[in-house]
């Protein structure tokens, strides 16, 4: 056989192989993971670790892509709307079978627009708002994991640190979708024998500082909700770094501060009890893969929650306030890789 024909056959084989490969990739189910915050945000990184852990055990060919809204760096409404428009364009381009929408902002600005459609199916993760807020209740193409803040763990830890004493609790967070939803959940919780004495979500760091100073003599504990994306205040529209906010709280707050997100301790805080981002990510991808296997026209899986929570601990911060927790808290933080000596 001449070299011409040999090269021609090789070329035809390669073209055929590329065509088959392209057809195979195009036929794989597609999943798009939509995050409310940046890729370098600690919560997002850990959710993604859980997603990838679930994918390790998956045997079905599937295409998974990620999109990040970056709202922790975009406090203004016009910035967020632009980011949401770009996300909806990505959904149109990728045409995913399933959209995994992480956190309330992803649902509020993007995912809710696809309720009731054939594509994509919506799998929400870590939303604090009621399902009705986004039109999810009873929707045939919606399932997911609702967030339950580990408030019982906070209540019990306060009893451990203050034996036979109730605590007056002030609650502070950012005035955004997540912060407002977290506050509503906090207000609805039964804190007995403790009680809430002041609650607020604020729009900037100046108001944040004012609340901490105002409640200095009213409370024994300060529960810090989500705080990303707050501007400095006044004419200064710079977004304040989380580490600056947390260090200011730890230095200036008279009540004992406790976070409700793992990032609170990562940013320099002493103690937090947070929803489990790794478990959320792993469970979300497992649900998505199972949903892909369901027969056409099958009902959406039931909405679920996670029974787990994450303890994060920085003992040097607690030591400055004379607080020492039992060893079980330390071990829980170590096991969860959220112990900061």
Protein backbone atom coordinates (compact mmCIF):
# COMPACT_ATOMS: atom_id res chain seq x y z
CA UNK A 1 0.00 0.00 0.00
CA UNK A 2 1.38 3.39 -0.96
CA UNK A 3 2.25 6.02 1.61
CA UNK A 4 -0.57 8.17 0.19
CA UNK A 5 -3.20 5.58 1.01
CA UNK A 6 -1.67 4.80 4.37
CA UNK A 7 -1.77 8.47 5.37
CA UNK A 8 -5.30 8.74 4.04
CA UNK A 9 -6.50 5.78 6.12
CA UNK A 10 -4.78 7.12 9.22
CA UNK A 11 -6.37 10.53 8.64
CA UNK A 12 -9.82 8.97 8.13
CA UNK A 13 -9.39 6.91 11.29
CA UNK A 14 -8.40 9.98 13.31
CA UNK A 15 -11.31 12.01 11.98
CA UNK A 16 -13.69 9.18 12.79
CA UNK A 17 -12.26 8.83 16.28
CA UNK A 18 -12.55 12.57 16.93
CA UNK A 19 -16.12 12.51 15.67
CA UNK A 20 -17.03 9.60 17.92
CA UNK A 21 -15.32 11.29 20.87
CA UNK A 22 -17.21 14.52 20.22
CA UNK A 23 -20.49 12.63 19.93
CA UNK A 24 -19.75 10.77 23.18
CA UNK A 25 -18.96 14.00 25.06
CA UNK A 26 -22.04 15.73 23.65
CA UNK A 27 -24.27 12.88 24.79
CA UNK A 28 -23.00 12.87 28.40
CA UNK A 29 -25.40 14.35 30.96
CA UNK A 30 -24.36 17.86 31.96
CA UNK A 31 -24.33 19.32 35.46
CA UNK A 32 -23.60 22.99 36.16
CA UNK A 33 -22.60 24.00 39.70
CA UNK A 34 -23.53 27.64 40.39
CA UNK A 35 -21.93 29.27 43.42
CA UNK A 36 -22.98 32.59 44.93
CA UNK A 37 -19.44 33.51 45.94
CA UNK A 38 -15.88 33.41 44.57
CA UNK A 39 -13.88 30.26 44.01
CA UNK A 40 -11.36 31.28 46.71
CA UNK A 41 -14.06 31.71 49.39
CA UNK A 42 -13.48 29.06 52.07
CA UNK A 43 -17.12 27.91 52.12
CA UNK A 44 -17.10 27.48 48.33
CA UNK A 45 -13.79 25.59 48.32
CA UNK A 46 -15.07 23.08 50.86
CA UNK A 47 -18.41 22.56 49.10
CA UNK A 48 -16.45 21.87 45.92
CA UNK A 49 -14.24 19.35 47.75
CA UNK A 50 -17.39 17.47 48.72
CA UNK A 51 -18.67 17.58 45.14
CA UNK A 52 -15.40 16.16 43.81
CA UNK A 53 -15.39 13.45 46.47
CA UNK A 54 -18.78 12.26 45.23
CA UNK A 55 -17.54 12.34 41.65
CA UNK A 56 -14.63 10.03 42.55
CA UNK A 57 -17.10 7.26 43.24
CA UNK A 58 -19.21 7.91 40.16
CA UNK A 59 -19.03 5.41 37.31
CA UNK A 60 -21.44 7.08 34.91
CA UNK A 61 -19.90 9.45 32.34
CA UNK A 62 -21.01 12.97 33.21
CA UNK A 63 -19.85 16.49 32.36
CA UNK A 64 -19.57 18.87 35.34
CA UNK A 65 -18.82 22.58 35.00
CA UNK A 66 -18.67 25.41 37.55
CA UNK A 67 -19.76 29.06 37.50
CA UNK A 68 -19.12 31.59 40.29
CA UNK A 69 -21.27 34.70 40.80
CA UNK A 70 -18.69 36.31 43.11
CA UNK A 71 -21.23 38.19 45.21
CA UNK A 72 -18.83 38.47 48.16
CA UNK A 73 -17.01 41.09 46.07
CA UNK A 74 -20.11 42.61 44.44
CA UNK A 75 -22.26 44.42 47.02
CA UNK A 76 -24.21 46.64 44.59
CA UNK A 77 -27.47 45.62 42.95
CA UNK A 78 -26.25 46.48 39.43
CA UNK A 79 -23.08 44.39 39.91
CA UNK A 80 -25.12 41.44 41.06
CA UNK A 81 -27.60 41.77 38.21
CA UNK A 82 -24.72 41.80 35.70
CA UNK A 83 -23.28 38.66 37.32
CA UNK A 84 -26.71 37.00 37.22
CA UNK A 85 -27.10 37.82 33.51
CA UNK A 86 -23.71 36.23 32.79
CA UNK A 87 -24.76 33.14 34.75
CA UNK A 88 -27.99 32.82 32.77
CA UNK A 89 -25.98 33.11 29.55
CA UNK A 90 -23.72 30.30 30.76
CA UNK A 91 -26.80 28.17 31.45
CA UNK A 92 -28.10 28.83 27.94
CA UNK A 93 -24.73 27.92 26.43
CA UNK A 94 -24.11 24.79 28.52
CA UNK A 95 -27.76 23.66 28.59
CA UNK A 96 -27.26 21.54 31.72
CA UNK A 97 -29.53 18.66 32.68
CA UNK A 98 -29.17 19.70 36.32
CA UNK A 99 -28.29 23.07 37.83
CA UNK A 100 -26.83 22.82 41.35
CA UNK A 101 -27.48 26.26 42.89
CA UNK A 102 -25.47 26.84 46.08
CA UNK A 103 -26.67 29.40 48.68
CA UNK A 104 -29.67 31.70 48.68
CA UNK A 105 -28.19 34.23 46.29
CA UNK A 106 -27.84 31.66 43.52
CA UNK A 107 -31.52 30.81 43.86
CA UNK A 108 -32.69 34.39 44.31
CA UNK A 109 -30.86 35.81 41.30
CA UNK A 110 -30.65 32.88 38.87
CA UNK A 111 -32.14 29.45 39.61
CA UNK A 112 -35.68 30.60 40.40
CA UNK A 113 -36.06 31.74 36.77
CA UNK A 114 -36.01 28.07 35.67
CA UNK A 115 -38.77 26.78 37.96
CA UNK A 116 -41.31 24.67 36.06
CA UNK A 117 -39.17 24.24 32.94
CA UNK A 118 -38.09 20.97 31.39
CA UNK A 119 -34.44 22.03 31.52
CA UNK A 120 -32.55 22.42 33.69
CA UNK A 121 -33.69 20.55 36.76
CA UNK A 122 -32.81 22.62 39.85
CA UNK A 123 -30.99 21.16 42.83
CA UNK A 124 -30.58 23.90 45.44
CA UNK A 125 -28.01 23.66 48.23
CA UNK A 126 -27.85 25.49 51.55
CA UNK A 127 -30.81 27.85 51.31
CA UNK A 128 -32.17 29.39 54.49
CA UNK A 129 -35.26 31.03 53.01
CA UNK A 130 -38.56 29.11 52.83
CA UNK A 131 -39.01 27.22 49.56
CA UNK A 132 -41.93 29.51 48.68
CA UNK A 133 -39.50 32.43 48.47
CA UNK A 134 -38.19 31.09 45.16
CA UNK A 135 -41.29 29.28 43.94
CA UNK A 136 -39.70 25.92 44.76
CA UNK A 137 -42.50 24.45 46.86
CA UNK A 138 -44.21 21.73 44.81
CA UNK A 139 -42.27 22.53 41.62
CA UNK A 140 -41.82 19.39 39.51
CA UNK A 141 -38.24 20.19 38.51
CA UNK A 142 -36.87 21.25 41.92
CA UNK A 143 -35.21 19.38 44.78
CA UNK A 144 -32.33 20.11 47.10
CA UNK A 145 -30.80 20.45 50.54
CA UNK A 146 -32.27 23.09 52.84
CA UNK A 147 -29.94 24.60 55.42
CA UNK A 148 -30.49 24.18 59.14
CA UNK A 149 -28.16 26.34 61.19
CA UNK A 150 -26.63 24.38 64.10
CA UNK A 151 -28.26 26.63 66.67
CA UNK A 152 -28.80 23.78 69.13
CA UNK A 153 -25.01 23.29 69.18
CA UNK A 154 -24.53 27.00 69.95
CA UNK A 155 -27.13 26.82 72.73
CA UNK A 156 -25.48 23.76 74.28
CA UNK A 157 -21.98 25.24 74.03
CA UNK A 158 -23.12 28.32 75.91
CA UNK A 159 -24.48 26.08 78.66
CA UNK A 160 -21.12 24.27 78.75
CA UNK A 161 -19.19 27.52 79.03
CA UNK A 162 -21.65 29.05 81.51
CA UNK A 163 -22.78 26.17 83.77
CA UNK A 164 -26.15 26.83 85.42
CA UNK A 165 -26.34 30.28 83.83
CA UNK A 166 -28.55 31.47 81.00
CA UNK A 167 -27.06 33.83 78.42
CA UNK A 168 -28.28 37.04 76.85
CA UNK A 169 -27.56 36.74 73.12
CA UNK A 170 -27.12 39.50 70.54
CA UNK A 171 -27.24 38.50 66.86
CA UNK A 172 -25.52 40.38 64.02
CA UNK A 173 -25.22 39.73 60.29
CA UNK A 174 -25.08 41.29 56.83
CA UNK A 175 -28.21 42.72 55.22
CA UNK A 176 -28.36 40.38 52.21
CA UNK A 177 -30.35 37.32 51.14
CA UNK A 178 -28.35 34.94 53.31
CA UNK A 179 -28.08 37.22 56.32
CA UNK A 180 -31.81 37.98 56.43
CA UNK A 181 -32.67 34.28 56.10
CA UNK A 182 -30.19 33.31 58.83
CA UNK A 183 -31.63 35.96 61.13
CA UNK A 184 -35.19 34.70 60.58
CA UNK A 185 -34.08 31.14 61.43
CA UNK A 186 -32.25 32.41 64.51
CA UNK A 187 -35.27 34.35 65.72
CA UNK A 188 -37.57 31.34 65.27
CA UNK A 189 -35.33 29.00 67.29
CA UNK A 190 -36.14 28.11 70.91
CA UNK A 191 -33.11 29.37 72.84
CA UNK A 192 -34.38 28.35 76.29
CA UNK A 193 -32.87 28.85 78.84
CA UNK A 194 -31.08 31.65 76.96
CA UNK A 195 -32.80 34.61 75.32
CA UNK A 196 -32.20 36.97 72.42
CA UNK A 197 -31.81 40.59 73.52
CA UNK A 198 -30.85 42.31 70.25
CA UNK A 199 -30.85 41.26 66.58
CA UNK A 200 -29.87 43.16 63.45
CA UNK A 201 -28.61 42.78 59.90
CA UNK A 202 -26.63 45.79 58.70
CA UNK A 203 -25.61 47.24 55.35
CA UNK A 204 -22.06 48.41 56.13
CA UNK A 205 -19.16 48.06 58.52
CA UNK A 206 -19.91 51.36 60.25
CA UNK A 207 -23.34 50.05 61.27
CA UNK A 208 -21.72 46.75 62.22
CA UNK A 209 -19.36 48.48 64.64
CA UNK A 210 -22.17 50.60 66.06
CA UNK A 211 -24.26 47.51 66.86
CA UNK A 212 -21.36 45.80 68.65
CA UNK A 213 -20.70 48.90 70.73
CA UNK A 214 -24.39 49.50 71.44
CA UNK A 215 -24.95 45.98 72.77
CA UNK A 216 -21.74 45.80 74.82
CA UNK A 217 -23.55 45.88 78.16
CA UNK A 218 -26.75 44.14 77.03
CA UNK A 219 -25.44 40.71 76.02
CA UNK A 220 -23.23 37.87 77.24
CA UNK A 221 -22.73 36.36 73.77
CA UNK A 222 -22.61 37.81 70.26
CA UNK A 223 -23.73 35.41 67.51
CA UNK A 224 -22.12 36.47 64.22
CA UNK A 225 -24.07 35.45 61.10
CA UNK A 226 -22.76 35.67 57.50
CA UNK A 227 -20.80 38.88 56.94
CA UNK A 228 -19.17 38.76 53.47
CA UNK A 229 -19.49 41.71 51.10
CA UNK A 230 -20.09 44.56 53.57
CA UNK A 231 -18.90 47.99 52.45
CA UNK A 232 -16.96 50.21 54.81
CA UNK A 233 -19.76 52.78 55.01
CA UNK A 234 -20.52 56.40 54.18
CA UNK A 235 -18.83 57.46 50.96
CA UNK A 236 -16.35 54.58 51.17
CA UNK A 237 -17.70 51.73 49.04
CA UNK A 238 -14.71 49.45 49.55
CA UNK A 239 -15.68 45.94 50.63
CA UNK A 240 -14.16 45.20 54.03
CA UNK A 241 -12.11 42.01 54.22
CA UNK A 242 -13.53 39.31 56.44
CA UNK A 243 -10.34 39.11 58.49
CA UNK A 244 -10.55 42.80 59.34
CA UNK A 245 -14.18 42.50 60.43
CA UNK A 246 -13.59 39.43 62.58
CA UNK A 247 -10.45 40.80 64.20
CA UNK A 248 -12.30 44.00 65.04
CA UNK A 249 -15.11 42.00 66.66
CA UNK A 250 -12.74 39.80 68.64
CA UNK A 251 -10.82 42.85 69.85
CA UNK A 252 -13.73 45.16 70.65
CA UNK A 253 -16.78 43.03 71.49
CA UNK A 254 -17.48 42.73 75.21
CA UNK A 255 -19.81 39.69 74.81
CA UNK A 256 -18.25 36.38 73.76
CA UNK A 257 -18.37 36.20 69.93
CA UNK A 258 -19.41 32.96 68.22
CA UNK A 259 -19.67 32.47 64.45
CA UNK A 260 -22.27 30.57 62.50
CA UNK A 261 -19.99 30.04 59.48
CA UNK A 262 -16.62 28.24 59.42
CA UNK A 263 -15.07 31.31 57.78
CA UNK A 264 -15.47 33.17 61.09
CA UNK A 265 -12.64 31.17 62.67
CA UNK A 266 -10.62 31.03 59.45
CA UNK A 267 -10.76 34.84 59.44
CA UNK A 268 -9.33 34.99 62.98
CA UNK A 269 -12.26 34.23 65.28
CA UNK A 270 -12.25 31.90 68.27
CA UNK A 271 -15.24 29.59 67.84
CA UNK A 272 -17.91 28.77 65.29
CA UNK A 273 -20.59 26.17 64.69
CA UNK A 274 -21.47 26.03 61.02
CA UNK A 275 -23.42 24.00 58.48
CA UNK A 276 -21.22 21.27 56.92
CA UNK A 277 -19.98 22.49 53.51
CA UNK A 278 -18.19 19.24 52.61
CA UNK A 279 -21.27 17.18 53.43
CA UNK A 280 -23.46 19.60 51.47
CA UNK A 281 -21.27 19.29 48.39
CA UNK A 282 -20.99 15.51 48.58
CA UNK A 283 -24.69 15.01 49.21
CA UNK A 284 -25.68 17.48 46.44
CA UNK A 285 -23.64 15.66 43.79
CA UNK A 286 -24.91 12.26 44.96
CA UNK A 287 -28.49 13.55 44.68
CA UNK A 288 -27.78 14.98 41.23
CA UNK A 289 -26.29 11.73 39.95
CA UNK A 290 -29.20 9.71 41.36
CA UNK A 291 -31.67 12.13 39.75
CA UNK A 292 -30.01 11.59 36.38
CA UNK A 293 -30.64 7.85 36.75
CA UNK A 294 -34.35 8.33 37.47
CA UNK A 295 -36.82 7.39 34.69
CA UNK A 296 -38.06 10.17 32.43
CA UNK A 297 -40.98 11.97 34.01
CA UNK A 298 -40.24 10.69 37.52
CA UNK A 299 -41.01 13.01 40.42
CA UNK A 300 -38.19 15.08 41.85
CA UNK A 301 -36.43 13.59 44.89
CA UNK A 302 -37.76 14.93 48.21
CA UNK A 303 -36.05 17.94 49.73
CA UNK A 304 -33.61 16.93 52.46
CA UNK A 305 -31.36 18.44 55.14
CA UNK A 306 -28.04 17.49 56.73
CA UNK A 307 -27.85 16.33 60.34
CA UNK A 308 -24.16 17.26 60.54
CA UNK A 309 -22.42 20.47 61.58
CA UNK A 310 -18.84 21.68 61.69
CA UNK A 311 -16.94 22.91 64.76
CA UNK A 312 -14.13 25.41 64.13
CA UNK A 313 -11.84 26.44 66.94
CA UNK A 314 -8.97 28.85 67.59
CA UNK A 315 -7.99 28.27 71.25
CA UNK A 316 -5.64 31.26 71.51
CA UNK A 317 -8.59 33.58 70.90
CA UNK A 318 -10.73 31.85 73.48
CA UNK A 319 -7.88 31.84 76.00
CA UNK A 320 -7.78 35.65 76.00
CA UNK A 321 -11.35 35.54 77.33
CA UNK A 322 -10.63 32.78 79.82
CA UNK A 323 -12.70 30.24 77.87
CA UNK A 324 -11.61 26.61 77.68
CA UNK A 325 -13.86 24.08 76.00
CA UNK A 326 -14.06 20.35 76.80
CA UNK A 327 -11.78 18.08 74.79
CA UNK A 328 -14.67 16.78 72.66
CA UNK A 329 -14.94 20.18 70.96
CA UNK A 330 -11.21 20.24 70.26
CA UNK A 331 -11.32 16.75 68.77
CA UNK A 332 -14.33 17.61 66.63
CA UNK A 333 -12.46 20.62 65.22
CA UNK A 334 -9.34 18.53 64.57
CA UNK A 335 -11.29 15.79 62.79
CA UNK A 336 -12.99 18.41 60.65
CA UNK A 337 -9.60 20.03 59.85
CA UNK A 338 -10.88 23.28 61.33
CA UNK A 339 -8.61 23.57 64.36
CA UNK A 340 -6.31 26.61 64.29
CA UNK A 341 -3.70 26.43 67.09
